[in-house]
Amino acid sequence: MTAAAPLDRPDATRLTVGLGARSYDIVIGAGLIAEAGARIAALRPGARVGIVSDANVAERHLAAVEDSLKAAGLVPATVIIPPGEKSKSFAIFEEVVDALIAARIERRDLVLALGGGVVGDLAGFAAAALRRGVDFVQLPTSLLAQVDSSVGGKTGINSRHGKNLVGAFHQPILVLADADALNTLPLREFRAGYAEVAKYGLIDNAPFFAWLERKWQEVFAGGPARTEAIATSCASKAAVVARDEFETGDRALLNLGHTFGHALEAGAGFSQRLLHGEAVAVGMAQAFRFSAEQGLCAVEDARRVEAHLHAVGLPTRIRNIPGELPDTDGLMNLIAQDKKVSRGALTFILVRGIGRAFVAKDIDPQAIRRFLEAERTA
């Protein structure tokens, strides 16, 4: 196989994130893991590649990735981290960076993130910091990472004060979304990723949300509907990132559901009690309910969103989250640490209807407090 051959595959979807000299491709299709080496070698021939993966993903996919890199004349070195959100920590970040330095990953080499959103965020931040910045490639193996976190250059780790509070904007040079990798994904993980797919319909693409309402079972089953859902999601995000790379404007819309969701996720201790996508599902349902309560959107829209998320098996209410959560004061403190807070003023992504999200600034904290109190018994 030549380095250029995979780029010409007619059965793979290729999108471009348009950022001038830093533009890069997102390639979506089956069998891309086996082609990773050829595609990366076309960009960085002869490079050393520091693979960052977690133990679960490595067991399934690492050997194939290493073989592909070696066949293309690249030199792999691997760093394995524990699976789960708790690996997005200062301690694991330090271990990864030290391991990449020890593997002699230099500025003309690159880092390869092989895994879900946790691996992508952590590996991307390590690449941003390593030797003041080396290139990296995203090879996302979860639905959530394929449609959201692998695209756009947001990298980072969590603080004890909240999620993704330490990080950097650092764009990848290539994203390879292998649809076959999702075949081994546990159902709960796939559902969690689907929340981010639905988000793109809820932000500004009402026809896509209606399509998902009709086709979600086909998306879960695999095949053309799944690929179409991934490609539509990636195209939406690529367009937003090209317009607003550093989230100074409408890129903030991609955080629909995340202000509520991140607070709940932190309140659950970044644990298996509440996966990121599950937290986003609850947060999106809350954003619609709060918008309806404020007279911004129809109650019927909020009910429709909740009904769809519930139909696919996602949580939509605080009561759906197992175990203890912080009280309302505790959740308000976590919300106050959200990245969109500016000089103490709360900013939420709210909606005027399905497909009509907007940035709402200076939201009254007391209105949020009353809403959360009511949510606890709803």
Protein backbone atom coordinates (compact mmCIF):
# COMPACT_ATOMS: atom_id res chain seq x y z
CA MET A 1 0.00 0.00 0.00
CA THR A 2 1.36 3.42 -0.88
CA ALA A 3 1.04 6.36 1.45
CA ALA A 4 -1.37 8.13 -0.91
CA ALA A 5 -3.68 5.21 -1.65
CA PRO A 6 -6.01 5.49 1.37
CA LEU A 7 -6.68 9.17 0.63
CA ASP A 8 -8.50 8.17 -2.55
CA ARG A 9 -10.98 5.72 -1.02
CA PRO A 10 -14.46 6.46 -2.39
CA ASP A 11 -16.20 4.83 0.59
CA ALA A 12 -14.62 7.19 3.15
CA THR A 13 -16.02 10.63 3.95
CA ARG A 14 -13.45 13.42 4.06
CA LEU A 15 -14.16 16.79 5.66
CA THR A 16 -11.83 19.73 6.18
CA VAL A 17 -11.59 22.01 9.19
CA GLY A 18 -10.72 25.27 7.46
CA LEU A 19 -8.12 27.11 9.51
CA GLY A 20 -5.83 28.46 6.81
CA ALA A 21 -2.32 27.05 7.08
CA ARG A 22 -3.47 24.93 10.04
CA SER A 23 -6.39 23.29 8.22
CA TYR A 24 -6.74 19.53 8.63
CA ASP A 25 -8.86 16.65 7.45
CA ILE A 26 -11.41 14.54 9.28
CA VAL A 27 -11.70 11.16 7.60
CA ILE A 28 -14.70 8.97 8.47
CA GLY A 29 -15.06 5.36 7.34
CA ALA A 30 -14.50 1.70 8.07
CA GLY A 31 -11.04 0.18 8.45
CA LEU A 32 -9.15 3.41 9.09
CA ILE A 33 -7.16 1.99 12.00
CA ALA A 34 -5.35 -0.31 9.59
CA GLU A 35 -4.57 2.69 7.37
CA ALA A 36 -3.42 5.01 10.14
CA GLY A 37 0.27 4.50 9.42
CA ALA A 38 0.01 5.28 5.70
CA ARG A 39 -2.12 8.37 6.33
CA ILE A 40 0.19 9.70 9.06
CA ALA A 41 3.33 8.93 7.02
CA ALA A 42 1.91 11.01 4.19
CA LEU A 43 2.04 13.99 6.56
CA ARG A 44 5.12 13.17 8.65
CA PRO A 45 7.32 10.55 6.93
CA GLY A 46 9.74 8.78 9.25
CA ALA A 47 8.41 10.41 12.43
CA ARG A 48 8.46 8.90 15.88
CA VAL A 49 4.89 8.54 17.11
CA GLY A 50 4.05 8.67 20.80
CA ILE A 51 0.82 6.70 21.14
CA VAL A 52 -1.29 7.58 24.18
CA SER A 53 -4.09 5.13 24.93
CA ASP A 54 -5.95 3.66 27.88
CA ALA A 55 -5.76 0.05 28.99
CA ASN A 56 -9.17 -0.93 27.60
CA VAL A 57 -8.66 0.59 24.15
CA ALA A 58 -5.09 -0.66 23.94
CA GLU A 59 -6.25 -4.23 24.45
CA ARG A 60 -8.58 -3.94 21.44
CA HIS A 61 -6.72 -1.72 18.98
CA LEU A 62 -3.09 -1.01 19.95
CA ALA A 63 -1.48 -3.93 18.10
CA ALA A 64 -3.19 -3.01 14.83
CA VAL A 65 -2.15 0.63 15.17
CA GLU A 66 1.47 -0.24 15.97
CA ASP A 67 1.64 -2.67 13.03
CA SER A 68 0.22 -0.01 10.71
CA LEU A 69 2.74 2.60 11.87
CA LYS A 70 5.70 0.24 11.52
CA ALA A 71 4.59 -0.86 8.04
CA ALA A 72 4.62 2.81 7.01
CA GLY A 73 8.15 3.37 8.30
CA LEU A 74 7.12 5.18 11.47
CA VAL A 75 8.53 4.47 14.93
CA PRO A 76 5.88 3.95 17.65
CA ALA A 77 6.31 4.38 21.40
CA THR A 78 3.34 3.73 23.65
CA VAL A 79 2.03 5.25 26.89
CA ILE A 80 -0.88 3.45 28.57
CA ILE A 81 -3.07 5.23 31.12
CA PRO A 82 -5.91 3.94 33.32
CA PRO A 83 -9.35 4.21 31.71
CA GLY A 84 -11.87 6.75 32.98
CA GLU A 85 -12.35 10.46 33.60
CA LYS A 86 -10.03 10.44 36.63
CA SER A 87 -7.07 10.10 34.28
CA LYS A 88 -7.62 13.70 33.18
CA SER A 89 -5.58 14.80 36.19
CA PHE A 90 -2.37 16.66 36.89
CA ALA A 91 -0.73 13.44 38.09
CA ILE A 92 -1.49 11.44 34.93
CA PHE A 93 -0.66 14.43 32.73
CA GLU A 94 2.80 14.55 34.32
CA GLU A 95 3.30 10.81 33.78
CA VAL A 96 2.32 11.08 30.10
CA VAL A 97 4.59 14.05 29.38
CA ASP A 98 7.53 12.40 31.16
CA ALA A 99 6.97 9.18 29.22
CA LEU A 100 6.87 11.04 25.89
CA ILE A 101 10.09 12.87 26.75
CA ALA A 102 11.71 9.56 27.70
CA ALA A 103 10.58 8.14 24.34
CA ARG A 104 12.41 11.04 22.64
CA ILE A 105 9.35 12.50 20.98
CA GLU A 106 10.78 15.67 19.46
CA ARG A 107 9.24 18.72 17.81
CA ARG A 108 9.21 17.15 14.33
CA ASP A 109 7.57 13.99 15.70
CA LEU A 110 3.98 13.67 16.85
CA VAL A 111 1.59 12.30 19.44
CA LEU A 112 -1.25 9.93 18.50
CA ALA A 113 -4.34 9.93 20.73
CA LEU A 114 -5.88 6.45 20.49
CA GLY A 115 -9.07 6.29 22.53
CA GLY A 116 -12.11 8.22 23.67
CA GLY A 117 -12.54 11.77 24.85
CA VAL A 118 -10.41 11.38 27.97
CA VAL A 119 -7.44 10.12 25.99
CA GLY A 120 -7.89 12.76 23.29
CA ASP A 121 -8.11 15.65 25.74
CA LEU A 122 -5.16 14.44 27.81
CA ALA A 123 -2.92 13.47 24.89
CA GLY A 124 -3.71 16.70 23.07
CA PHE A 125 -2.79 18.79 26.10
CA ALA A 126 0.41 16.78 26.54
CA ALA A 127 1.26 17.47 22.89
CA ALA A 128 0.54 21.17 23.37
CA ALA A 129 2.91 21.34 26.34
CA LEU A 130 5.63 18.92 25.22
CA ARG A 131 8.71 20.84 24.04
CA ARG A 132 6.38 23.87 23.78
CA GLY A 133 4.20 22.13 21.24
CA VAL A 134 4.36 19.09 18.98
CA ASP A 135 1.81 17.97 16.41
CA PHE A 136 -0.77 15.33 17.20
CA VAL A 137 -3.29 13.08 15.47
CA GLN A 138 -6.66 12.07 16.84
CA LEU A 139 -7.76 8.45 16.34
CA PRO A 140 -11.01 8.46 18.34
CA THR A 141 -12.53 5.10 19.25
CA SER A 142 -15.74 6.25 20.97
CA LEU A 143 -18.77 7.87 19.38
CA LEU A 144 -18.48 10.89 21.68
CA ALA A 145 -14.87 11.47 20.65
CA GLN A 146 -15.57 10.93 16.95
CA VAL A 147 -18.35 13.52 16.78
CA ASP A 148 -17.14 16.03 19.33
CA SER A 149 -13.96 16.05 21.36
CA SER A 150 -11.54 14.94 18.62
CA VAL A 151 -12.44 17.93 16.43
CA GLY A 152 -11.66 21.53 17.22
CA GLY A 153 -8.46 21.55 19.22
CA LYS A 154 -9.80 21.84 22.76
CA THR A 155 -7.43 19.91 25.00
CA GLY A 156 -7.12 19.75 28.76
CA ILE A 157 -7.48 18.11 32.12
CA ASN A 158 -9.75 18.53 35.12
CA SER A 159 -9.15 20.35 38.38
CA ARG A 160 -10.70 19.50 41.73
CA HIS A 161 -12.67 22.72 41.14
CA GLY A 162 -14.29 21.49 37.94
CA LYS A 163 -14.03 19.93 34.50
CA ASN A 164 -11.62 21.05 31.75
CA LEU A 165 -10.39 24.06 33.69
CA VAL A 166 -6.73 23.52 32.70
CA GLY A 167 -5.79 23.15 29.05
CA ALA A 168 -4.97 24.74 25.72
CA PHE A 169 -6.31 25.19 22.21
CA HIS A 170 -4.10 22.89 20.13
CA GLN A 171 -5.45 21.67 16.79
CA PRO A 172 -4.64 18.16 15.52
CA ILE A 173 -3.15 17.69 12.06
CA LEU A 174 -5.52 14.80 11.23
CA VAL A 175 -8.59 13.07 12.65
CA LEU A 176 -9.33 9.44 11.71
CA ALA A 177 -12.80 8.28 12.76
CA ASP A 178 -12.93 4.51 12.17
CA ALA A 179 -16.59 3.47 12.22
CA ASP A 180 -15.55 -0.15 12.87
CA ALA A 181 -14.05 0.86 16.23
CA LEU A 182 -17.57 1.55 17.50
CA ASN A 183 -18.61 -2.08 17.00
CA THR A 184 -16.89 -3.09 20.26
CA LEU A 185 -18.12 -0.07 22.22
CA PRO A 186 -20.34 -0.94 25.21
CA LEU A 187 -23.95 0.16 24.73
CA ARG A 188 -23.77 2.62 27.63
CA GLU A 189 -20.73 4.33 26.07
CA PHE A 190 -22.43 4.52 22.68
CA ARG A 191 -25.54 6.06 24.25
CA ALA A 192 -23.38 8.63 26.04
CA GLY A 193 -21.79 9.61 22.73
CA TYR A 194 -25.18 9.84 21.07
CA ALA A 195 -26.04 12.73 23.38
CA GLU A 196 -23.43 14.81 21.57
CA VAL A 197 -24.88 13.76 18.20
CA ALA A 198 -28.35 14.93 19.25
CA LYS A 199 -26.79 18.18 20.45
CA TYR A 200 -25.96 19.25 16.89
CA GLY A 201 -29.62 18.99 15.94
CA LEU A 202 -30.71 20.91 19.01
CA ILE A 203 -28.26 23.77 18.46
CA ASP A 204 -29.04 24.84 14.90
CA ASN A 205 -30.24 21.91 12.78
CA ALA A 206 -33.84 21.02 13.57
CA PRO A 207 -34.16 18.80 10.46
CA PHE A 208 -31.22 16.71 11.70
CA PHE A 209 -32.88 16.28 15.09
CA ALA A 210 -36.10 15.17 13.37
CA TRP A 211 -34.03 12.72 11.28
CA LEU A 212 -32.51 11.32 14.48
CA GLU A 213 -35.95 10.87 15.99
CA ARG A 214 -36.80 8.66 12.99
CA LYS A 215 -33.42 6.97 12.47
CA TRP A 216 -31.82 6.63 15.90
CA GLN A 217 -32.27 2.87 16.00
CA GLU A 218 -30.43 2.57 12.68
CA VAL A 219 -27.66 4.79 14.03
CA PHE A 220 -27.29 2.44 16.99
CA ALA A 221 -27.35 -0.63 14.71
CA GLY A 222 -24.53 0.64 12.49
CA GLY A 223 -24.24 0.97 8.74
CA PRO A 224 -24.98 4.00 6.53
CA ALA A 225 -27.17 5.80 9.10
CA ARG A 226 -24.39 5.72 11.68
CA THR A 227 -21.83 7.06 9.21
CA GLU A 228 -24.25 9.79 8.11
CA ALA A 229 -24.86 10.83 11.73
CA ILE A 230 -21.13 11.01 12.43
CA ALA A 231 -20.41 12.94 9.23
CA THR A 232 -23.24 15.42 9.83
CA SER A 233 -22.04 16.01 13.39
CA CYS A 234 -18.43 16.48 12.34
CA ALA A 235 -19.41 18.83 9.51
CA SER A 236 -21.39 20.95 11.96
CA LYS A 237 -18.52 21.18 14.39
CA ALA A 238 -15.93 21.80 11.67
CA ALA A 239 -17.95 24.74 10.38
CA VAL A 240 -18.27 26.27 13.85
CA VAL A 241 -14.56 25.82 14.63
CA ALA A 242 -13.58 27.41 11.31
CA ARG A 243 -15.69 30.48 12.21
CA ASP A 244 -14.68 30.72 15.87
CA GLU A 245 -11.59 28.70 16.75
CA PHE A 246 -11.02 30.17 20.22
CA GLU A 247 -14.64 30.33 21.41
CA THR A 248 -15.06 34.08 21.38
CA GLY A 249 -18.45 33.87 19.68
CA ASP A 250 -20.84 31.18 18.49
CA ARG A 251 -18.55 28.24 19.26
CA ALA A 252 -19.92 28.59 22.78
CA LEU A 253 -23.18 27.16 21.40
CA LEU A 254 -21.47 23.76 21.30
CA ASN A 255 -21.70 23.85 25.10
CA LEU A 256 -25.47 23.37 25.08
CA GLY A 257 -26.23 21.34 28.21
CA HIS A 258 -22.65 21.49 29.43
CA THR A 259 -22.98 24.10 32.18
CA PHE A 260 -25.55 22.04 34.06
CA GLY A 261 -23.92 18.80 32.92
CA HIS A 262 -20.37 19.61 34.00
CA ALA A 263 -21.60 20.60 37.47
CA LEU A 264 -23.44 17.28 37.81
CA GLU A 265 -20.44 15.38 36.49
CA ALA A 266 -18.12 17.05 38.99
CA GLY A 267 -20.69 16.50 41.73
CA ALA A 268 -20.66 12.79 40.92
CA GLY A 269 -16.89 12.76 41.33
CA PHE A 270 -16.03 12.26 37.64
CA SER A 271 -16.94 8.62 38.16
CA GLN A 272 -18.75 5.80 36.39
CA ARG A 273 -21.89 6.96 38.15
CA LEU A 274 -22.32 9.58 35.44
CA LEU A 275 -20.51 9.48 32.11
CA HIS A 276 -19.82 12.76 30.33
CA GLY A 277 -22.40 12.18 27.62
CA GLU A 278 -24.99 11.19 30.22
CA ALA A 279 -24.30 14.44 32.07
CA VAL A 280 -24.71 16.36 28.81
CA ALA A 281 -28.05 14.61 28.20
CA VAL A 282 -29.35 15.69 31.60
CA GLY A 283 -27.91 19.16 31.03
CA MET A 284 -29.56 19.57 27.63
CA ALA A 285 -32.92 18.48 29.01
CA GLN A 286 -32.43 20.97 31.85
CA ALA A 287 -31.47 23.76 29.41
CA PHE A 288 -34.73 23.18 27.52
CA ARG A 289 -36.80 22.96 30.69
CA PHE A 290 -35.23 26.14 32.10
CA SER A 291 -35.76 27.93 28.77
CA ALA A 292 -39.41 26.87 28.78
CA GLU A 293 -39.77 28.02 32.39
CA GLN A 294 -38.37 31.42 31.39
CA GLY A 295 -40.83 31.69 28.49
CA LEU A 296 -38.09 31.42 25.87
CA CYS A 297 -39.30 28.23 24.18
CA ALA A 298 -42.42 26.11 24.02
CA VAL A 299 -42.98 23.52 26.73
CA GLU A 300 -43.74 21.07 23.92
CA ASP A 301 -40.17 21.43 22.60
CA ALA A 302 -38.73 20.65 26.03
CA ARG A 303 -40.98 17.60 26.32
CA ARG A 304 -40.00 16.43 22.83
CA VAL A 305 -36.29 16.65 23.62
CA GLU A 306 -36.71 14.82 26.91
CA ALA A 307 -38.83 12.13 25.23
CA HIS A 308 -36.18 11.45 22.59
CA LEU A 309 -33.29 11.27 25.03
CA HIS A 310 -35.34 8.99 27.26
CA ALA A 311 -36.25 6.77 24.29
CA VAL A 312 -32.59 6.06 23.52
CA GLY A 313 -31.90 5.24 27.18
CA LEU A 314 -30.22 8.44 28.36
CA PRO A 315 -30.89 10.12 31.73
CA THR A 316 -32.79 13.41 31.64
CA ARG A 317 -33.39 14.18 35.33
CA ILE A 318 -31.30 14.59 38.46
CA ARG A 319 -33.21 11.69 39.98
CA ASN A 320 -31.79 9.43 37.24
CA ILE A 321 -28.26 9.90 38.61
CA PRO A 322 -27.34 7.20 41.15
CA GLY A 323 -25.84 8.08 44.52
CA GLU A 324 -25.51 11.32 46.42
CA LEU A 325 -24.92 14.68 44.77
CA PRO A 326 -23.97 18.03 46.31
CA ASP A 327 -26.82 20.16 47.61
CA THR A 328 -28.02 23.16 45.63
CA ASP A 329 -25.33 25.41 47.12
CA GLY A 330 -22.70 22.86 46.11
CA LEU A 331 -24.02 22.66 42.54
CA MET A 332 -24.14 26.45 42.33
CA ASN A 333 -20.50 26.62 43.41
CA LEU A 334 -19.59 24.16 40.64
CA ILE A 335 -21.59 26.15 38.07
CA ALA A 336 -19.73 29.29 39.16
CA GLN A 337 -16.47 27.61 38.04
CA ASP A 338 -17.77 27.07 34.50
CA LYS A 339 -15.41 28.31 31.78
CA LYS A 340 -18.11 30.59 30.34
CA VAL A 341 -18.43 32.59 33.57
CA SER A 342 -17.13 36.12 33.01
CA ARG A 343 -16.36 38.35 36.01
CA GLY A 344 -18.75 36.27 38.07
CA ALA A 345 -21.68 36.58 35.64
CA LEU A 346 -23.34 33.30 34.72
CA THR A 347 -23.57 32.45 31.02
CA PHE A 348 -25.75 29.59 29.78
CA ILE A 349 -26.60 28.23 26.37
CA LEU A 350 -30.39 28.46 26.24
CA VAL A 351 -32.90 27.86 23.44
CA ARG A 352 -35.83 29.48 21.67
CA GLY A 353 -36.81 26.10 20.30
CA ILE A 354 -35.29 22.98 18.76
CA GLY A 355 -32.44 24.10 16.51
CA ARG A 356 -32.47 27.62 17.96
CA ALA A 357 -29.82 27.80 20.67
CA PHE A 358 -28.30 31.11 21.77
CA VAL A 359 -25.77 32.44 24.29
CA ALA A 360 -27.56 33.91 27.32
CA LYS A 361 -25.39 36.16 29.46
CA ASP A 362 -25.91 37.53 32.98
CA ILE A 363 -28.40 34.85 33.97
CA ASP A 364 -29.88 35.52 37.40
CA PRO A 365 -28.23 33.08 39.85
CA GLN A 366 -31.39 33.03 41.95
CA ALA A 367 -33.41 31.83 38.96
CA ILE A 368 -30.92 28.97 38.48
CA ARG A 369 -31.00 28.20 42.19
CA ARG A 370 -34.82 28.01 42.22
CA PHE A 371 -34.77 25.85 39.09
CA LEU A 372 -32.28 23.39 40.62
CA GLU A 373 -34.29 23.16 43.81
CA ALA A 374 -37.39 22.26 41.81
CA GLU A 375 -35.40 19.80 39.67
CA ARG A 376 -34.45 17.79 42.74
CA THR A 377 -38.04 16.75 43.29
CA ALA A 378 -39.17 16.59 39.65
